[in-house]
Amino acid sequence: MAVTSSSTTASEGIQGTKSSATIVLTNSPHNQFFVWREFLWGALAGGFGEGMMHPIDTVKTRIQSQAILAQSQNQKTILQMVRAVWGADGLRGFYRGVAPGVTGSLATGATYFGVIESTKKWIEETHPNLGGHWAHFIAGALGDTLGSFIYVPCEVIKQRMQVQGTKKYWSSVVMKEGASDASLSMYGYYSGMFQAGCSIWKDQGPKGLYAGYWSTLARDVPFAGLMVTCYEALKEVTEYGRQKWFPNSRFHVNSSFEGLVLGGIAGGVSAYLTTPLDVIKTRLQVQGTIVRYNGWMDAFRRIWLIEGAKGFFRGSIPRVIWYVPASALTFMAVEFLRDQFNETKTPNTDTVTSLILDKSKPPLQQN
C-alpha cells in the first residue's frame, strides 16, 4: 500500500505490527502539480510568442485575404507583400492588430497548457487505455476549444485590422490596387481594439465577432491535437535515442532548449498540414458584411473551383515561418517557467511515498 505522511507518523503506525516494513523516503521538490501555474505559464508563453511573430502573421493574413480585397488572380508573393506593407505603412503596418492578437494568445495559451496538463493526468489515471498519444491529442484539442471563446473574437478583430493597415492605406492604396467600392465598404476603419469590437458588435452583433467560429475550431482542434502529439512524440524519441546511444552517460538536454527545438518542429509540421483550414477561416473572418462565402462548405467549394488546390495553400510558407519560431518560443518559455517556478520549497524533512509490508521477515521488535 502507499501512504503520504510524515516519517514520524509512519513510524508510530508501524509499531505493534507483526510484519516488517520497507519505507521509501524522498524529498523531491517536483512531486506536486499546480494547475494554476500551468495556466499562468501558458498565458505568458502564448502572449510572448504572438508578440514576437506578429509581423509574419500580418503578411500571411494579407496574402490569404487578397482574393477578397483585390479581386485579382495576379496576387502578390511573400516578398512583394512585404515590400507593399513596408512601402505603404512602414514598420507600423506589420504590427497592426497586435493588441487583440496578444490578448487572444494570452487566453489561448492559458487554457491550452493548463487544460493540457490537467487533462493528460486525468485521462491517464481514469482511462489508461487512452493514455499516450491519444491523451495528448484529446488534451490539446480540448484546451484549444475552451480558449476559442475568447480567441475567436480577438482573431476577427486582429485580422481585420491587419488587412486595413493604416488609415491612409485603407482609404487609398487598396482602391489603387483595384478594390471595388463594395469591398472597401465592408467595414469602416478601426482606430483600436475596443473601437473595432464595439463597431463589429454594432454592425453585425455577436455573429460578427464570432465569424468563422466553426472554421476556427475545424482548424485549431486538429492543429492543437497534432502539435501536442507531435511534441510529446518527439520528446519520447529524443529520450529513447539518449538511452540507446548514451546509456551510461549523465548527459541531459536542457528542457528549455528541448522545448525550443522540438516545439518548433511540431508547430511547423502541424501548421503546414492545417493551412487549407486556415485559408477558409481567414476568408470567412475578413469578408465582413459583404458576404462572398456562405459558410465553410461554400468557401471550400468556391476556392476549389476558382483557385484550385493552390488556393488552399496560399500563405502556407509565412504560416509555417510564423509557427516554427512562435511554437519554439512558446514551448521554450513554458519549459523554462516550469523549471524555475514549479519547484516547491519544503522543509528538509523526509516524506514517505510508499510503504511496503513484507510478512516473510521476522516481526519488528519493540523496545
Protein backbone atom coordinates (compact mmCIF):
# COMPACT_ATOMS: atom_id res chain seq x y z
CA MET A 1 0.00 0.00 0.00
CA ALA A 2 1.07 3.63 -0.39
CA VAL A 3 0.71 6.42 2.13
CA THR A 4 1.70 10.05 2.25
CA SER A 5 2.62 11.15 5.71
CA SER A 6 5.50 12.38 7.79
CA SER A 7 8.15 9.88 8.83
CA THR A 8 7.24 10.31 12.49
CA THR A 9 3.59 9.43 11.94
CA ALA A 10 4.52 6.44 9.77
CA SER A 11 6.88 5.03 12.39
CA GLU A 12 4.23 5.35 15.09
CA GLY A 13 1.75 3.43 12.93
CA ILE A 14 4.26 0.67 12.30
CA GLN A 15 4.91 -0.02 15.98
CA GLY A 16 2.98 -3.01 17.28
CA THR A 17 2.53 -4.66 13.87
CA LYS A 18 3.74 -8.18 13.24
CA SER A 19 5.13 -7.55 9.80
CA SER A 20 8.33 -5.93 8.71
CA ALA A 21 8.19 -2.80 6.60
CA THR A 22 10.31 -1.13 3.99
CA ILE A 23 9.95 2.63 3.92
CA VAL A 24 10.94 4.53 0.78
CA LEU A 25 11.75 8.12 1.55
CA THR A 26 12.05 11.00 -0.85
CA ASN A 27 12.41 14.72 -0.65
CA SER A 28 11.69 15.58 -4.30
CA PRO A 29 10.56 19.17 -4.90
CA HIS A 30 8.72 18.15 -8.10
CA ASN A 31 6.07 15.92 -6.53
CA GLN A 32 3.28 18.48 -6.56
CA PHE A 33 1.26 19.67 -9.53
CA PHE A 34 -0.32 23.12 -9.54
CA VAL A 35 -2.90 23.66 -12.28
CA TRP A 36 -2.96 27.42 -11.86
CA ARG A 37 0.75 27.61 -12.63
CA GLU A 38 0.23 25.80 -15.93
CA PHE A 39 -2.46 28.33 -16.85
CA LEU A 40 -0.19 31.24 -15.92
CA TRP A 41 2.89 29.92 -17.71
CA GLY A 42 0.79 29.10 -20.77
CA ALA A 43 -0.67 32.60 -20.90
CA LEU A 44 2.73 34.28 -20.63
CA ALA A 45 4.27 31.97 -23.22
CA GLY A 46 1.37 32.39 -25.66
CA GLY A 47 1.43 36.18 -25.47
CA PHE A 48 5.21 36.20 -25.83
CA GLY A 49 5.15 34.03 -28.95
CA GLU A 50 2.39 36.07 -30.62
CA GLY A 51 4.06 39.39 -29.87
CA MET A 52 7.39 38.27 -31.31
CA MET A 53 5.98 36.80 -34.52
CA HIS A 54 3.07 39.16 -35.27
CA PRO A 55 4.69 40.82 -38.34
CA ILE A 56 4.89 37.46 -40.14
CA ASP A 57 1.27 36.76 -39.25
CA THR A 58 0.32 40.09 -40.80
CA VAL A 59 1.98 39.12 -44.09
CA LYS A 60 0.22 35.72 -44.01
CA THR A 61 -3.18 37.32 -43.39
CA ARG A 62 -2.70 39.85 -46.20
CA ILE A 63 -1.72 37.11 -48.66
CA GLN A 64 -4.70 34.91 -47.78
CA SER A 65 -7.20 37.78 -47.98
CA GLN A 66 -6.09 39.14 -51.37
CA ALA A 67 -8.84 37.28 -53.20
CA ILE A 68 -11.43 39.25 -51.23
CA LEU A 69 -9.82 42.68 -51.18
CA ALA A 70 -8.08 42.90 -54.55
CA GLN A 71 -10.45 40.78 -56.66
CA SER A 72 -7.45 39.72 -58.70
CA GLN A 73 -5.81 36.41 -59.63
CA ASN A 74 -2.47 38.16 -60.05
CA GLN A 75 -1.72 38.02 -56.35
CA LYS A 76 1.43 39.12 -54.57
CA THR A 77 4.17 36.78 -53.43
CA ILE A 78 5.65 36.93 -49.93
CA LEU A 79 8.41 39.38 -50.86
CA GLN A 80 6.04 41.56 -52.88
CA MET A 81 3.63 41.70 -49.96
CA VAL A 82 6.43 42.58 -47.52
CA ARG A 83 7.50 45.44 -49.80
CA ALA A 84 3.90 46.59 -50.19
CA VAL A 85 3.27 46.73 -46.44
CA TRP A 86 6.57 48.45 -45.77
CA GLY A 87 6.09 50.94 -48.60
CA ALA A 88 2.57 51.89 -47.51
CA ASP A 89 2.79 51.82 -43.72
CA GLY A 90 6.39 51.19 -42.70
CA LEU A 91 7.14 49.14 -39.61
CA ARG A 92 3.83 50.18 -38.06
CA GLY A 93 1.92 48.26 -40.71
CA PHE A 94 3.42 44.94 -39.66
CA TYR A 95 2.25 45.43 -36.07
CA ARG A 96 -1.30 46.44 -36.91
CA GLY A 97 -3.68 44.35 -34.76
CA VAL A 98 -1.00 43.23 -32.30
CA ALA A 99 -3.13 44.15 -29.22
CA PRO A 100 -6.06 41.79 -29.99
CA GLY A 101 -3.56 39.21 -31.20
CA VAL A 102 -1.68 39.15 -27.90
CA THR A 103 -4.93 39.25 -25.92
CA GLY A 104 -6.28 36.22 -27.74
CA SER A 105 -2.99 34.38 -27.35
CA LEU A 106 -2.94 35.03 -23.61
CA ALA A 107 -6.33 33.32 -23.27
CA THR A 108 -5.47 30.51 -25.66
CA GLY A 109 -2.08 29.85 -24.09
CA ALA A 110 -3.58 29.72 -20.60
CA THR A 111 -6.32 27.23 -21.47
CA TYR A 112 -4.10 25.33 -23.88
CA PHE A 113 -1.31 24.44 -21.49
CA GLY A 114 -3.40 24.48 -18.31
CA VAL A 115 -6.04 22.14 -19.67
CA ILE A 116 -3.45 20.01 -21.47
CA GLU A 117 -1.53 19.12 -18.32
CA SER A 118 -4.56 18.57 -16.10
CA THR A 119 -6.48 16.65 -18.79
CA LYS A 120 -3.49 14.43 -19.62
CA LYS A 121 -3.16 13.47 -15.97
CA TRP A 122 -6.90 12.82 -15.63
CA ILE A 123 -7.08 10.71 -18.80
CA GLU A 124 -4.01 8.67 -17.92
CA GLU A 125 -5.37 7.96 -14.44
CA THR A 126 -9.02 7.27 -15.24
CA HIS A 127 -8.75 5.89 -18.79
CA PRO A 128 -5.39 4.10 -19.10
CA ASN A 129 -6.42 2.70 -22.49
CA LEU A 130 -6.46 6.27 -23.85
CA GLY A 131 -3.02 7.06 -22.50
CA GLY A 132 -0.01 8.09 -24.56
CA HIS A 133 -0.59 9.97 -27.80
CA TRP A 134 -4.40 9.76 -27.60
CA ALA A 135 -4.30 11.52 -24.24
CA HIS A 136 -2.07 14.23 -25.71
CA PHE A 137 -4.32 14.71 -28.76
CA ILE A 138 -7.54 14.92 -26.71
CA ALA A 139 -5.98 17.25 -24.16
CA GLY A 140 -4.65 19.61 -26.83
CA ALA A 141 -7.95 19.68 -28.71
CA LEU A 142 -9.97 20.32 -25.54
CA GLY A 143 -7.65 23.09 -24.36
CA ASP A 144 -7.87 24.91 -27.67
CA THR A 145 -11.65 24.51 -27.84
CA LEU A 146 -12.12 26.19 -24.47
CA GLY A 147 -9.78 29.02 -25.41
CA SER A 148 -11.71 29.66 -28.65
CA PHE A 149 -14.49 31.55 -26.85
CA ILE A 150 -12.08 34.42 -26.23
CA TYR A 151 -9.63 33.75 -29.03
CA VAL A 152 -12.07 33.91 -31.98
CA PRO A 153 -13.38 37.48 -31.37
CA CYS A 154 -9.79 38.64 -30.87
CA GLU A 155 -8.78 36.87 -34.08
CA VAL A 156 -11.58 38.54 -36.05
CA ILE A 157 -10.55 41.98 -34.79
CA LYS A 158 -6.85 41.27 -35.32
CA GLN A 159 -7.21 40.08 -38.90
CA ARG A 160 -9.47 42.94 -39.96
CA MET A 161 -7.00 45.43 -38.51
CA GLN A 162 -4.14 43.62 -40.25
CA VAL A 163 -5.70 43.86 -43.70
CA GLN A 164 -6.58 47.52 -43.12
CA GLY A 165 -3.10 48.66 -42.20
CA THR A 166 -3.01 52.38 -41.54
CA LYS A 167 -5.95 54.64 -42.37
CA LYS A 168 -4.06 56.01 -45.35
CA TYR A 169 -3.59 52.51 -46.78
CA TRP A 170 -7.21 51.51 -46.23
CA SER A 171 -8.58 54.61 -47.93
CA SER A 172 -6.19 54.91 -50.86
CA VAL A 173 -3.80 52.01 -51.50
CA VAL A 174 -6.49 49.33 -51.58
CA MET A 175 -8.51 51.38 -54.06
CA LYS A 176 -5.49 51.88 -56.30
CA GLU A 177 -4.93 48.13 -56.39
CA GLY A 178 -8.35 47.62 -57.89
CA ALA A 179 -10.66 47.07 -54.94
CA SER A 180 -14.27 47.86 -55.67
CA ASP A 181 -16.36 50.31 -53.67
CA ALA A 182 -18.25 47.35 -52.23
CA SER A 183 -15.07 45.78 -50.94
CA LEU A 184 -13.92 49.00 -49.33
CA SER A 185 -17.29 49.48 -47.63
CA MET A 186 -17.15 46.10 -45.90
CA TYR A 187 -16.45 47.94 -42.65
CA GLY A 188 -15.11 51.28 -41.54
CA TYR A 189 -11.59 51.90 -40.36
CA TYR A 190 -10.81 50.64 -36.87
CA SER A 191 -8.82 53.01 -34.68
CA GLY A 192 -8.13 50.41 -31.99
CA MET A 193 -9.04 47.08 -30.48
CA PHE A 194 -12.00 48.21 -28.37
CA GLN A 195 -13.41 50.53 -31.03
CA ALA A 196 -13.20 47.67 -33.52
CA GLY A 197 -15.00 45.31 -31.16
CA CYS A 198 -17.78 47.81 -30.50
CA SER A 199 -18.11 48.60 -34.21
CA ILE A 200 -18.38 44.94 -35.20
CA TRP A 201 -20.90 44.31 -32.43
CA LYS A 202 -22.98 47.30 -33.55
CA ASP A 203 -22.93 46.37 -37.25
CA GLN A 204 -23.21 42.59 -37.04
CA GLY A 205 -23.84 41.64 -33.44
CA PRO A 206 -22.31 38.52 -31.84
CA LYS A 207 -22.36 36.84 -35.25
CA GLY A 208 -19.76 39.31 -36.48
CA LEU A 209 -17.38 38.80 -33.58
CA TYR A 210 -17.69 35.04 -33.93
CA ALA A 211 -17.44 34.99 -37.73
CA GLY A 212 -15.75 31.81 -38.84
CA TYR A 213 -16.07 30.26 -35.38
CA TRP A 214 -16.68 26.72 -36.61
CA SER A 215 -13.99 27.04 -39.25
CA THR A 216 -11.63 28.20 -36.50
CA LEU A 217 -12.42 25.08 -34.48
CA ALA A 218 -12.08 22.97 -37.63
CA ARG A 219 -8.57 24.37 -37.98
CA ASP A 220 -7.42 24.69 -34.39
CA VAL A 221 -8.72 21.45 -32.87
CA PRO A 222 -6.72 19.20 -35.22
CA PHE A 223 -3.82 21.67 -35.15
CA ALA A 224 -3.66 21.73 -31.35
CA GLY A 225 -4.02 17.97 -31.11
CA LEU A 226 -1.38 17.36 -33.79
CA MET A 227 1.10 19.81 -32.26
CA VAL A 228 0.89 18.37 -28.74
CA THR A 229 1.01 14.80 -30.03
CA CYS A 230 3.98 15.59 -32.26
CA TYR A 231 5.79 17.43 -29.45
CA GLU A 232 5.31 14.60 -26.95
CA ALA A 233 6.30 12.01 -29.57
CA LEU A 234 9.48 13.91 -30.38
CA LYS A 235 10.31 14.08 -26.66
CA GLU A 236 9.89 10.32 -26.40
CA VAL A 237 12.08 9.74 -29.46
CA THR A 238 14.74 12.06 -28.02
CA GLU A 239 14.73 10.23 -24.70
CA TYR A 240 14.80 6.84 -26.44
CA GLY A 241 17.80 7.93 -28.52
CA ARG A 242 19.62 9.21 -25.45
CA GLN A 243 19.11 5.94 -23.59
CA LYS A 244 20.06 3.85 -26.62
CA TRP A 245 23.15 5.72 -27.75
CA PHE A 246 24.32 7.12 -24.41
CA PRO A 247 23.06 4.58 -21.83
CA ASN A 248 25.73 5.24 -19.23
CA SER A 249 26.09 8.95 -19.80
CA ARG A 250 24.88 11.64 -17.43
CA PHE A 251 24.25 13.89 -20.42
CA HIS A 252 20.91 15.65 -20.10
CA VAL A 253 19.34 18.04 -22.59
CA ASN A 254 18.18 21.30 -21.04
CA SER A 255 14.37 21.29 -21.04
CA SER A 256 14.19 24.87 -22.34
CA PHE A 257 16.43 24.03 -25.30
CA GLU A 258 14.44 20.84 -25.90
CA GLY A 259 11.21 22.84 -25.92
CA LEU A 260 12.75 25.35 -28.35
CA VAL A 261 13.81 22.73 -30.92
CA LEU A 262 11.03 20.17 -30.60
CA GLY A 263 8.30 22.81 -30.21
CA GLY A 264 9.44 24.50 -33.43
CA ILE A 265 9.36 21.25 -35.39
CA ALA A 266 5.96 20.26 -34.01
CA GLY A 267 4.49 23.69 -34.75
CA GLY A 268 5.84 23.81 -38.30
CA VAL A 269 4.56 20.37 -39.28
CA SER A 270 1.12 20.98 -37.77
CA ALA A 271 0.87 24.44 -39.33
CA TYR A 272 1.51 23.21 -42.87
CA LEU A 273 -0.94 20.31 -42.62
CA THR A 274 -3.74 22.61 -41.45
CA THR A 275 -3.11 25.50 -43.89
CA PRO A 276 -6.22 24.76 -46.05
CA LEU A 277 -8.39 25.10 -42.94
CA ASP A 278 -6.63 28.37 -42.08
CA VAL A 279 -7.32 29.82 -45.54
CA ILE A 280 -11.05 29.12 -45.21
CA LYS A 281 -11.14 30.60 -41.69
CA THR A 282 -9.32 33.78 -42.76
CA ARG A 283 -11.59 34.38 -45.75
CA LEU A 284 -14.75 33.98 -43.63
CA GLN A 285 -13.49 36.34 -40.92
CA VAL A 286 -12.19 39.06 -43.23
CA GLN A 287 -15.18 39.33 -45.59
CA GLY A 288 -17.31 41.43 -43.21
CA THR A 289 -20.83 42.46 -44.23
CA ILE A 290 -20.18 41.88 -47.95
CA VAL A 291 -20.70 38.13 -47.93
CA ARG A 292 -18.81 36.17 -50.58
CA TYR A 293 -18.78 32.81 -48.82
CA ASN A 294 -21.92 31.40 -47.25
CA GLY A 295 -20.31 29.19 -44.69
CA TRP A 296 -17.49 26.70 -44.51
CA MET A 297 -18.59 24.33 -47.25
CA ASP A 298 -19.38 27.15 -49.68
CA ALA A 299 -15.94 28.65 -49.09
CA PHE A 300 -14.32 25.25 -49.68
CA ARG A 301 -16.26 24.73 -52.93
CA ARG A 302 -15.61 28.21 -54.35
CA ILE A 303 -11.91 28.23 -53.51
CA TRP A 304 -11.53 24.82 -55.17
CA LEU A 305 -13.45 25.83 -58.31
CA ILE A 306 -11.82 29.24 -58.76
CA GLU A 307 -8.28 28.77 -57.43
CA GLY A 308 -7.77 25.02 -57.31
CA ALA A 309 -5.57 23.20 -54.80
CA LYS A 310 -3.11 26.10 -54.88
CA GLY A 311 -5.72 28.36 -53.31
CA PHE A 312 -5.90 26.21 -50.18
CA PHE A 313 -2.18 26.59 -49.54
CA ARG A 314 -1.94 30.35 -50.01
CA GLY A 315 0.12 31.74 -47.17
CA SER A 316 1.45 28.30 -46.20
CA ILE A 317 5.09 29.45 -46.20
CA PRO A 318 4.58 32.50 -43.93
CA ARG A 319 2.25 30.39 -41.78
CA VAL A 320 5.00 27.80 -41.27
CA ILE A 321 7.60 30.54 -40.85
CA TRP A 322 5.36 32.06 -38.18
CA TYR A 323 4.60 28.85 -36.31
CA VAL A 324 8.11 27.38 -36.20
CA PRO A 325 9.63 30.19 -34.09
CA ALA A 326 6.34 31.04 -32.34
CA SER A 327 5.82 27.44 -31.20
CA ALA A 328 9.50 27.13 -30.36
CA LEU A 329 9.43 30.27 -28.20
CA THR A 330 6.15 29.23 -26.58
CA PHE A 331 7.29 25.73 -25.59
CA MET A 332 10.69 27.07 -24.53
CA ALA A 333 9.05 29.68 -22.31
CA VAL A 334 6.70 27.13 -20.75
CA GLU A 335 9.51 24.66 -20.02
CA PHE A 336 11.71 27.45 -18.62
CA LEU A 337 8.95 28.77 -16.34
CA ARG A 338 8.17 25.25 -15.14
CA ASP A 339 11.80 24.64 -14.26
CA GLN A 340 12.21 27.97 -12.50
CA PHE A 341 8.98 28.26 -10.54
CA ASN A 342 7.28 24.87 -10.27
CA GLU A 343 9.68 23.71 -7.57
CA THR A 344 8.02 23.80 -4.18
CA LYS A 345 10.05 24.98 -1.24
CA THR A 346 9.62 22.39 1.51
CA PRO A 347 11.36 21.89 4.84
CA ASN A 348 14.25 19.43 4.99
CA THR A 349 12.03 16.62 6.27
CA ASP A 350 11.73 13.31 4.51
CA THR A 351 8.37 12.30 3.09
CA VAL A 352 7.07 8.75 2.88
CA THR A 353 5.97 7.97 -0.66
CA SER A 354 5.49 4.22 -0.29
CA LEU A 355 5.23 1.67 2.50
CA ILE A 356 5.83 -1.94 1.55
CA LEU A 357 4.79 -4.66 4.01
CA ASP A 358 6.76 -7.92 3.93
CA LYS A 359 5.31 -10.71 6.09
CA SER A 360 8.11 -13.15 5.24
CA LYS A 361 10.54 -11.40 7.57
CA PRO A 362 10.56 -11.58 11.39
CA PRO A 363 8.24 -9.14 13.16
CA LEU A 364 9.56 -5.84 14.42
CA GLN A 365 10.94 -5.98 17.91
CA GLN A 366 9.55 -3.40 20.26
CA ASN A 367 11.75 -1.83 22.92
